[in-house]
Protein backbone atom coordinates (compact mmCIF):
# COMPACT_ATOMS: atom_id res chain seq x y z
CA MET A 1 0.00 0.00 0.00
CA PRO A 2 1.31 3.49 -0.79
CA VAL A 3 2.69 5.62 2.03
CA ASP A 4 0.26 8.42 1.16
CA LEU A 5 -2.71 6.18 1.97
CA TYR A 6 -1.29 5.32 5.40
CA LEU A 7 -0.74 9.02 5.97
CA ARG A 8 -4.34 9.80 5.06
CA LEU A 9 -5.65 7.06 7.36
CA GLY A 10 -3.47 8.41 10.16
CA ILE A 11 -4.77 11.95 9.66
CA ALA A 12 -8.35 10.67 9.65
CA LEU A 13 -7.74 8.81 12.92
CA GLY A 14 -6.19 11.97 14.39
CA ILE A 15 -9.24 13.99 13.41
CA GLY A 16 -11.54 11.50 15.15
CA LEU A 17 -9.38 11.50 18.27
CA LEU A 18 -9.25 15.30 18.35
CA VAL A 19 -13.00 15.88 18.03
CA GLY A 20 -13.78 12.90 20.26
CA ALA A 21 -11.49 14.17 23.02
CA GLN A 22 -13.26 17.51 22.99
CA ARG A 23 -16.71 15.90 23.12
CA GLU A 24 -15.73 13.50 25.91
CA ARG A 25 -14.18 16.33 27.93
CA VAL A 26 -17.49 18.20 27.99
CA GLY A 27 -19.46 15.00 28.51
CA LYS A 28 -21.63 15.16 25.41
CA ALA A 29 -23.31 12.22 23.63
CA PRO A 30 -23.29 10.30 21.28
CA GLY A 31 -19.79 9.24 22.29
CA GLY A 32 -16.30 10.18 23.29
CA ILE A 33 -12.79 9.76 22.01
CA ARG A 34 -13.13 6.07 21.05
CA THR A 35 -16.49 6.51 19.31
CA PHE A 36 -15.33 9.42 17.18
CA ALA A 37 -12.10 7.61 16.31
CA LEU A 38 -14.16 4.65 15.11
CA ILE A 39 -16.42 6.98 13.11
CA SER A 40 -13.37 8.43 11.33
CA ILE A 41 -12.11 4.92 10.50
CA PHE A 42 -15.62 3.98 9.32
CA GLY A 43 -15.71 7.01 7.03
CA SER A 44 -12.25 6.30 5.62
CA PHE A 45 -12.93 2.66 4.78
CA SER A 46 -16.40 3.46 3.45
CA ALA A 47 -14.75 5.74 0.89
CA LEU A 48 -12.14 3.09 0.02
CA LEU A 49 -14.75 0.34 -0.31
CA ALA A 50 -16.89 2.63 -2.48
CA ASP A 51 -14.05 2.70 -4.99
CA GLU A 52 -14.27 -1.09 -5.24
CA PHE A 53 -18.02 -1.73 -5.04
CA GLY A 54 -19.62 1.57 -6.10
CA GLN A 55 -20.52 4.93 -4.61
CA TRP A 56 -23.84 3.55 -3.34
CA LEU A 57 -21.89 1.93 -0.50
CA LEU A 58 -20.60 5.32 0.70
CA ALA A 59 -24.12 6.74 0.61
CA ALA A 60 -25.46 3.72 2.52
CA SER A 61 -22.73 4.10 5.15
CA PHE A 62 -23.58 7.77 5.55
CA LEU A 63 -27.28 7.01 5.99
CA ALA A 64 -26.51 4.23 8.46
CA LEU A 65 -24.34 6.50 10.61
CA THR A 66 -26.92 9.29 10.46
CA SER A 67 -29.63 6.90 11.60
CA LEU A 68 -27.47 5.62 14.47
CA VAL A 69 -26.56 9.05 15.86
CA LEU A 70 -30.12 10.35 15.57
CA MET A 71 -31.42 7.23 17.32
CA ALA A 72 -28.82 7.69 20.06
CA ASN A 73 -29.96 11.28 20.50
CA TRP A 74 -33.61 10.19 20.68
CA LEU A 75 -32.88 7.50 23.27
CA GLU A 76 -30.82 9.94 25.35
CA THR A 77 -33.55 12.59 25.42
CA LYS A 78 -36.20 9.96 26.13
CA LYS A 79 -34.21 8.72 29.11
CA GLU A 80 -33.50 12.23 30.43
CA PRO A 81 -35.78 14.77 28.77
CA VAL A 82 -33.96 18.06 28.28
CA ARG A 83 -35.79 21.10 27.07
CA GLY A 84 -34.16 22.55 23.98
CA ALA A 85 -31.69 19.68 23.63
CA GLY A 86 -29.35 20.28 20.69
CA ILE A 87 -27.78 17.98 18.15
CA THR A 88 -24.32 19.55 18.00
CA SER A 89 -22.50 16.32 18.88
CA GLU A 90 -24.54 14.37 16.35
CA ILE A 91 -23.71 16.86 13.60
CA ALA A 92 -20.04 16.67 14.65
CA ALA A 93 -20.09 12.88 14.32
CA ILE A 94 -21.57 13.06 10.81
CA LEU A 95 -19.05 15.76 9.88
CA VAL A 96 -16.12 13.65 11.11
CA PHE A 97 -17.39 10.80 8.89
CA ALA A 98 -17.66 13.14 5.88
CA ILE A 99 -14.20 14.68 6.43
CA SER A 100 -12.60 11.25 6.84
CA ALA A 101 -14.28 9.97 3.68
CA TYR A 102 -13.20 13.05 1.71
CA LEU A 103 -9.67 12.74 3.04
CA MET A 104 -9.14 9.43 1.23
CA HIS A 105 -9.08 11.12 -2.18
CA GLY A 106 -9.33 14.89 -1.58
CA GLU A 107 -6.91 17.60 -0.50
CA LYS A 108 -5.29 16.78 2.84
CA GLN A 109 -4.89 20.45 3.74
CA LEU A 110 -8.59 21.18 3.24
CA ALA A 111 -9.61 18.20 5.37
CA VAL A 112 -7.26 19.23 8.19
CA VAL A 113 -8.55 22.81 8.10
CA ALA A 114 -12.16 21.59 8.16
CA ALA A 115 -11.39 19.36 11.14
CA GLY A 116 -9.60 22.20 12.96
CA VAL A 117 -12.50 24.58 12.42
CA THR A 118 -14.93 21.89 13.66
CA ALA A 119 -12.91 21.36 16.85
CA LEU A 120 -12.67 25.11 17.49
CA LEU A 121 -16.40 25.64 16.96
CA LEU A 122 -17.11 22.87 19.47
CA HIS A 123 -14.56 24.09 22.01
CA TYR A 124 -15.48 27.79 21.97
CA LYS A 125 -19.20 27.30 22.57
CA ASP A 126 -19.44 29.57 25.62
CA PRO A 127 -17.48 32.55 24.18
CA MET A 128 -19.48 32.37 20.94
CA HIS A 129 -22.81 32.30 22.79
CA ALA A 130 -21.60 35.17 24.97
CA PHE A 131 -20.62 37.13 21.86
CA VAL A 132 -24.07 36.69 20.31
CA GLY A 133 -25.68 37.57 23.63
CA LYS A 134 -23.89 40.92 23.68
CA LEU A 135 -25.11 41.87 20.22
CA SER A 136 -28.07 44.21 20.20
CA LYS A 137 -30.73 44.34 17.51
CA MET A 138 -28.85 47.25 15.93
CA ASP A 139 -25.57 45.33 15.97
CA LEU A 140 -27.15 42.34 14.26
CA GLN A 141 -28.69 44.70 11.72
CA ALA A 142 -25.22 46.07 10.96
CA ILE A 143 -23.92 42.56 10.30
CA MET A 144 -26.89 41.71 8.06
CA GLN A 145 -26.42 44.95 6.13
CA PHE A 146 -22.79 44.01 5.55
CA VAL A 147 -24.02 40.67 4.19
CA LEU A 148 -26.29 42.63 1.83
CA ILE A 149 -23.40 44.83 0.70
CA SER A 150 -20.86 42.04 0.26
CA LEU A 151 -22.77 38.87 -0.63
CA VAL A 152 -25.89 40.18 -2.38
CA ILE A 153 -24.97 43.40 -4.19
CA LEU A 154 -21.31 42.70 -5.08
CA PRO A 155 -21.78 39.44 -7.05
CA VAL A 156 -24.42 40.92 -9.41
CA LEU A 157 -22.40 43.98 -10.45
CA PRO A 158 -20.75 43.87 -13.91
CA ASN A 159 -16.98 43.42 -13.91
CA GLU A 160 -16.12 45.74 -16.82
CA THR A 161 -15.16 49.37 -17.33
CA TYR A 162 -17.44 52.09 -18.74
CA ASP A 163 -15.21 55.15 -19.21
CA PRO A 164 -12.43 56.24 -21.58
CA TYR A 165 -9.79 55.97 -18.82
CA GLU A 166 -10.83 52.40 -17.98
CA VAL A 167 -11.11 53.04 -14.24
CA LEU A 168 -14.88 52.96 -13.58
CA ASN A 169 -15.54 49.27 -12.99
CA PRO A 170 -18.74 48.77 -10.90
CA PHE A 171 -17.59 45.45 -9.43
CA LYS A 172 -14.14 46.71 -8.42
CA ILE A 173 -15.55 49.97 -7.07
CA TRP A 174 -18.06 48.14 -4.89
CA LEU A 175 -15.35 45.69 -3.82
CA MET A 176 -13.51 48.66 -2.29
CA VAL A 177 -16.75 49.64 -0.55
CA VAL A 178 -16.90 46.13 0.94
CA LEU A 179 -13.30 46.48 2.13
CA ILE A 180 -13.88 49.82 3.87
CA VAL A 181 -17.21 48.79 5.38
CA GLY A 182 -15.64 45.53 6.56
CA ILE A 183 -12.83 47.36 8.40
CA GLY A 184 -15.34 49.73 9.97
CA LEU A 185 -17.66 46.89 10.96
CA PHE A 186 -14.82 45.01 12.65
CA GLY A 187 -14.04 48.07 14.75
CA TYR A 188 -17.73 48.68 15.41
CA VAL A 189 -18.32 45.15 16.75
CA ALA A 190 -15.16 45.37 18.87
CA PHE A 191 -16.31 48.72 20.27
CA LYS A 192 -19.69 47.26 21.18
CA LEU A 193 -18.08 44.29 22.92
CA PHE A 194 -15.49 46.26 24.88
CA SER A 195 -16.98 49.75 25.22
CA ALA A 196 -17.90 49.21 28.86
CA LYS A 197 -14.27 48.27 29.61
CA ALA A 198 -12.65 50.53 27.04
CA GLY A 199 -10.36 53.07 28.58
CA THR A 200 -8.43 55.79 26.87
CA LEU A 201 -6.04 53.48 24.99
CA LEU A 202 -8.61 51.00 23.72
CA GLY A 203 -11.05 53.81 22.94
CA GLY A 204 -8.45 55.40 20.68
CA VAL A 205 -7.59 52.12 18.94
CA LEU A 206 -11.20 51.20 18.22
CA GLY A 207 -12.02 54.78 17.25
CA GLY A 208 -9.18 54.78 14.74
CA MET A 209 -10.45 51.57 13.18
CA ILE A 210 -13.98 52.94 12.79
CA SER A 211 -13.32 56.62 12.03
CA SER A 212 -10.43 58.68 13.38
CA THR A 213 -12.20 61.89 12.31
CA ALA A 214 -15.39 61.02 14.21
CA THR A 215 -13.33 60.00 17.24
CA THR A 216 -11.41 63.28 17.14
CA ILE A 217 -14.62 65.32 16.99
CA SER A 218 -16.18 63.33 19.85
CA ALA A 219 -13.11 63.68 22.09
CA ALA A 220 -12.77 67.40 21.29
CA ARG A 221 -16.39 68.14 22.20
CA ASP A 222 -15.96 66.37 25.52
CA THR A 223 -13.21 68.81 26.54
CA LYS A 224 -14.98 72.01 25.54
CA ASP A 225 -16.05 72.70 29.13
CA SER A 226 -13.66 70.27 30.84
CA PRO A 227 -10.04 71.47 30.49
CA THR A 228 -8.85 68.82 32.96
CA ARG A 229 -9.62 66.15 30.38
CA ALA A 230 -7.44 67.71 27.71
CA THR A 231 -4.50 65.31 28.06
CA ALA A 232 -6.69 62.21 27.96
CA ALA A 233 -8.59 63.58 24.95
CA ALA A 234 -5.33 64.37 23.15
CA LEU A 235 -4.17 60.81 23.84
CA ILE A 236 -7.33 59.35 22.30
CA ILE A 237 -6.93 61.59 19.24
CA MET A 238 -3.27 60.67 18.76
CA ILE A 239 -3.95 56.95 19.10
CA ALA A 240 -6.87 57.14 16.67
CA THR A 241 -4.73 59.04 14.15
CA ALA A 242 -1.90 56.51 14.48
CA ILE A 243 -4.36 53.65 13.91
CA SER A 244 -5.68 55.46 10.82
CA ILE A 245 -2.17 55.11 9.36
CA VAL A 246 -2.30 51.37 10.07
CA ARG A 247 -5.68 51.35 8.34
CA VAL A 248 -4.10 52.98 5.26
CA LEU A 249 -1.44 50.26 5.18
CA ILE A 250 -4.13 47.56 5.42
CA GLU A 251 -5.91 49.09 2.43
CA VAL A 252 -2.68 49.27 0.42
CA PHE A 253 -1.88 45.66 1.29
CA ALA A 254 -5.35 44.56 0.18
CA VAL A 255 -5.30 46.44 -3.14
CA ALA A 256 -1.64 46.84 -4.16
CA ASN A 257 0.08 43.92 -2.46
CA PRO A 258 3.12 43.82 -4.81
CA PHE A 259 4.08 47.36 -3.75
CA PHE A 260 3.38 46.97 -0.04
CA LEU A 261 6.96 46.46 1.12
CA THR A 262 8.06 49.62 -0.69
CA ILE A 263 5.20 51.66 0.74
CA VAL A 264 5.29 50.32 4.29
CA ALA A 265 8.80 51.70 4.97
CA PRO A 266 8.10 55.48 4.78
CA PHE A 267 4.70 55.04 6.46
CA SER A 268 6.33 53.06 9.27
CA VAL A 269 8.55 56.07 9.96
CA LEU A 270 5.51 58.37 10.13
CA LEU A 271 3.70 55.84 12.31
CA GLY A 272 6.77 55.67 14.54
CA VAL A 273 6.67 59.44 15.01
CA PHE A 274 3.02 59.25 16.07
CA LEU A 275 3.74 56.38 18.46
CA ILE A 276 6.66 58.20 20.08
CA LEU A 277 4.56 61.34 20.55
CA THR A 278 1.70 59.23 21.88
CA PHE A 279 4.00 57.50 24.37
CA ILE A 280 5.34 60.86 25.61
CA LEU A 281 1.77 62.06 26.04
CA TYR A 282 0.80 58.83 27.78
CA ARG A 283 3.45 59.47 30.43
CA LYS A 284 1.62 62.70 31.26
CA LYS A 285 -1.93 61.46 30.79
CA SER A 286 -4.79 62.72 32.90
CA GLU A 287 -6.58 60.30 35.20
CA GLU A 288 -9.84 61.42 33.62
CA ILE A 289 -11.42 59.12 31.05
CA VAL A 290 -12.89 60.84 28.04
CA SER A 291 -16.12 59.28 26.87
CA THR A 292 -16.53 58.83 23.15
CA ASN A 293 -19.94 58.60 21.57
CA ASP A 294 -21.15 55.22 20.33
CA PRO A 295 -20.18 54.92 16.65
CA GLY A 296 -22.90 54.78 14.07
CA ASN A 297 -23.61 51.64 12.07
CA PRO A 298 -20.77 51.52 9.47
CA ALA A 299 -22.67 49.09 7.23
CA GLN A 300 -25.63 51.28 6.33
CA LEU A 301 -26.42 51.17 2.64
CA LYS A 302 -26.69 54.94 2.08
CA PRO A 303 -23.19 55.82 3.41
CA ALA A 304 -21.81 52.84 1.47
CA ILE A 305 -23.31 54.15 -1.76
CA ILE A 306 -22.01 57.66 -1.01
CA PHE A 307 -18.50 56.30 -0.43
CA GLY A 308 -18.73 54.26 -3.64
CA LEU A 309 -19.69 57.36 -5.61
CA LEU A 310 -16.93 59.39 -3.95
CA TYR A 311 -14.39 56.67 -4.69
CA ALA A 312 -15.52 56.45 -8.34
CA LEU A 313 -15.34 60.24 -8.66
CA ILE A 314 -11.81 60.36 -7.25
CA LEU A 315 -10.76 57.48 -9.52
CA PHE A 316 -11.99 59.43 -12.54
CA VAL A 317 -10.54 62.76 -11.38
CA VAL A 318 -7.15 61.19 -10.68
CA ALA A 319 -7.06 59.56 -14.13
CA PHE A 320 -8.23 62.79 -15.81
CA THR A 321 -5.75 64.96 -13.88
CA ARG A 322 -2.85 62.67 -14.67
CA GLU A 323 -3.59 62.82 -18.40
CA LYS A 324 -4.23 66.57 -18.58
CA PHE A 325 -1.80 67.99 -16.01
CA GLY A 326 0.70 65.23 -15.30
CA GLU A 327 1.65 63.80 -11.94
CA SER A 328 2.13 67.22 -10.33
CA GLY A 329 -1.60 67.89 -10.56
CA LEU A 330 -2.33 64.74 -8.59
CA TYR A 331 -1.01 66.32 -5.40
CA VAL A 332 -3.76 68.93 -5.51
CA VAL A 333 -6.32 66.13 -5.82
CA ALA A 334 -4.66 64.29 -2.90
CA VAL A 335 -4.86 67.35 -0.65
CA LEU A 336 -8.50 68.12 -1.48
CA SER A 337 -9.58 64.50 -1.15
CA GLY A 338 -7.56 63.88 2.01
CA LEU A 339 -9.21 66.78 3.82
CA THR A 340 -12.37 64.74 4.16
CA ASP A 341 -11.61 61.10 3.28
CA VAL A 342 -8.26 59.31 3.11
CA ASP A 343 -9.73 55.93 2.18
CA ALA A 344 -10.95 56.95 -1.27
CA ILE A 345 -7.68 58.54 -2.42
CA THR A 346 -5.66 55.68 -0.87
CA LEU A 347 -7.62 53.03 -2.76
CA SER A 348 -7.70 54.96 -6.03
CA THR A 349 -3.95 55.59 -5.89
CA ALA A 350 -3.31 51.93 -5.11
CA GLN A 351 -5.40 50.97 -8.13
CA MET A 352 -3.39 53.35 -10.32
CA MET A 353 -0.14 51.74 -9.10
CA ASN A 354 -1.53 48.31 -9.92
CA LYS A 355 -2.15 49.41 -13.52
CA ASP A 356 1.30 51.06 -13.75
CA ASN A 357 -0.35 54.42 -14.40
CA ILE A 358 1.83 56.00 -11.71
CA ASP A 359 5.06 54.76 -10.19
CA VAL A 360 5.18 53.54 -6.61
CA GLY A 361 7.28 56.50 -5.42
CA THR A 362 4.66 58.99 -6.59
CA GLY A 363 1.88 56.73 -5.31
CA TRP A 364 2.93 56.51 -1.69
CA ARG A 365 3.73 60.23 -1.62
CA LEU A 366 0.20 61.02 -2.83
CA ILE A 367 -1.24 58.83 -0.07
CA MET A 368 0.98 60.46 2.55
CA VAL A 369 -0.01 63.93 1.34
CA ALA A 370 -3.66 62.93 1.74
CA THR A 371 -2.93 61.52 5.20
CA LEU A 372 -1.25 64.75 6.31
CA ALA A 373 -4.10 66.80 4.84
CA ASN A 374 -6.58 64.73 6.82
CA THR A 375 -4.50 65.24 9.96
CA LEU A 376 -4.61 68.99 9.34
CA PHE A 377 -8.40 68.77 8.91
CA LYS A 378 -8.73 66.99 12.26
CA GLY A 379 -6.59 69.67 13.84
CA GLY A 380 -9.04 72.25 12.50
CA ALA A 381 -11.91 70.28 14.02
CA VAL A 382 -10.17 70.38 17.40
CA ALA A 383 -9.72 74.16 17.06
CA LEU A 384 -13.42 74.65 16.32
CA LEU A 385 -14.96 72.15 18.72
CA GLY A 386 -12.46 71.54 21.51
CA GLY A 387 -11.16 73.52 24.44
CA ARG A 388 -8.05 75.69 24.44
CA ALA A 389 -6.08 73.26 26.62
CA LEU A 390 -6.66 70.45 24.12
CA LEU A 391 -5.79 72.69 21.17
CA LYS A 392 -2.43 73.60 22.72
CA ARG A 393 -1.47 69.97 22.97
CA ILE A 394 -2.74 68.99 19.52
CA VAL A 395 -1.03 71.93 17.80
CA VAL A 396 2.34 70.79 19.14
CA LEU A 397 1.80 67.07 18.54
CA TYR A 398 0.19 67.37 15.12
CA GLY A 399 2.69 70.05 14.14
CA ILE A 400 5.64 67.73 14.83
CA ALA A 401 3.93 64.85 13.04
CA ILE A 402 3.00 66.89 9.95
CA LEU A 403 6.49 68.39 9.66
CA SER A 404 7.93 64.88 9.97
CA GLY A 405 5.63 63.69 7.20
CA VAL A 406 6.65 66.56 4.93
CA ALA A 407 10.31 65.75 5.57
CA ILE A 408 9.68 62.10 4.67
CA ILE A 409 7.99 63.11 1.41
CA PHE A 410 10.90 65.28 0.29
CA LEU A 411 13.88 63.44 1.78
CA TRP A 412 12.94 59.81 1.29
CA PRO A 413 15.07 58.26 -1.49
């Protein structure tokens, strides 16, 4: 017999032992480590015998196992009636059979991943139930709206361009909407789960993932009549701004992966400046905790459509500007776009780099210009909405960061 077959049988046995050990540890029927190991062997040999006698044998084996585990569940509940008794262990047994049968001829890696996911889903029952229990009706609505945006709307959009510059592709534009909404939704769910425990540091991190601009405005308003909270508010704003740079790098990695290593270097320097300034500020932080407002649902359809239109507009303007005015005109577009939204100009620039319409050196400088413009915009929001004590801190911190960014743009090789 070939070595590969022995290896597959060994993996199948390991899968049964793994899932069975977890089920026996929590004391769940229809069996424990030995039963699940036998089920995996049964599945493996059913698949091998089906090669010899026909696929009907595999189907018959599957039906036989299904009947046995369902009967075991029925007998167990009849002996000790339990209201709302589940069939998780029974489904796990059937799944172990299916994975073991697939493993005999399918991809080993896929079978191992499927088994690992099964074991994790069984093991993390309590945390998963606790997670769902913490979700409000609005939170669940946000998740369902993201499903609408990503799994309903995206697949039906045409994947072709409709403009002379070949940049307006509905599918690719909406794909960027899915990316941005997905990042925001991740931060939103995390904020909802940890908001009660979120202090200044975590508040800034989650705020930066959702919207650093909204977080800045919220923190600034909180200090309008409370000067003693200025240091804590400045800390939240600096953390959120630093995280927004990480968010930019995530977007570049997702869209222009081949150029990521070139782009990450100068942005890491700028991020390092923000982190150093944030650490210095943290050493002087106020004991007050600044409350940030609950973020809005990032998966609403209307804002998603608005972002999609904005992104499409910037894509077109960038392509038009490059053709009519050259690369120098793109910096004006980067400044104007960055004042309100860094995501759109970041994604559009990354797309241009992918198509070799602009070189990577110009590309990352455009994104950094937009990032600095957005930082300047947030500084203006602090001046308008925050207290004088907060403004003094932000002027110094943002001033150092912006000057450092300008130096990087001009001095980086």
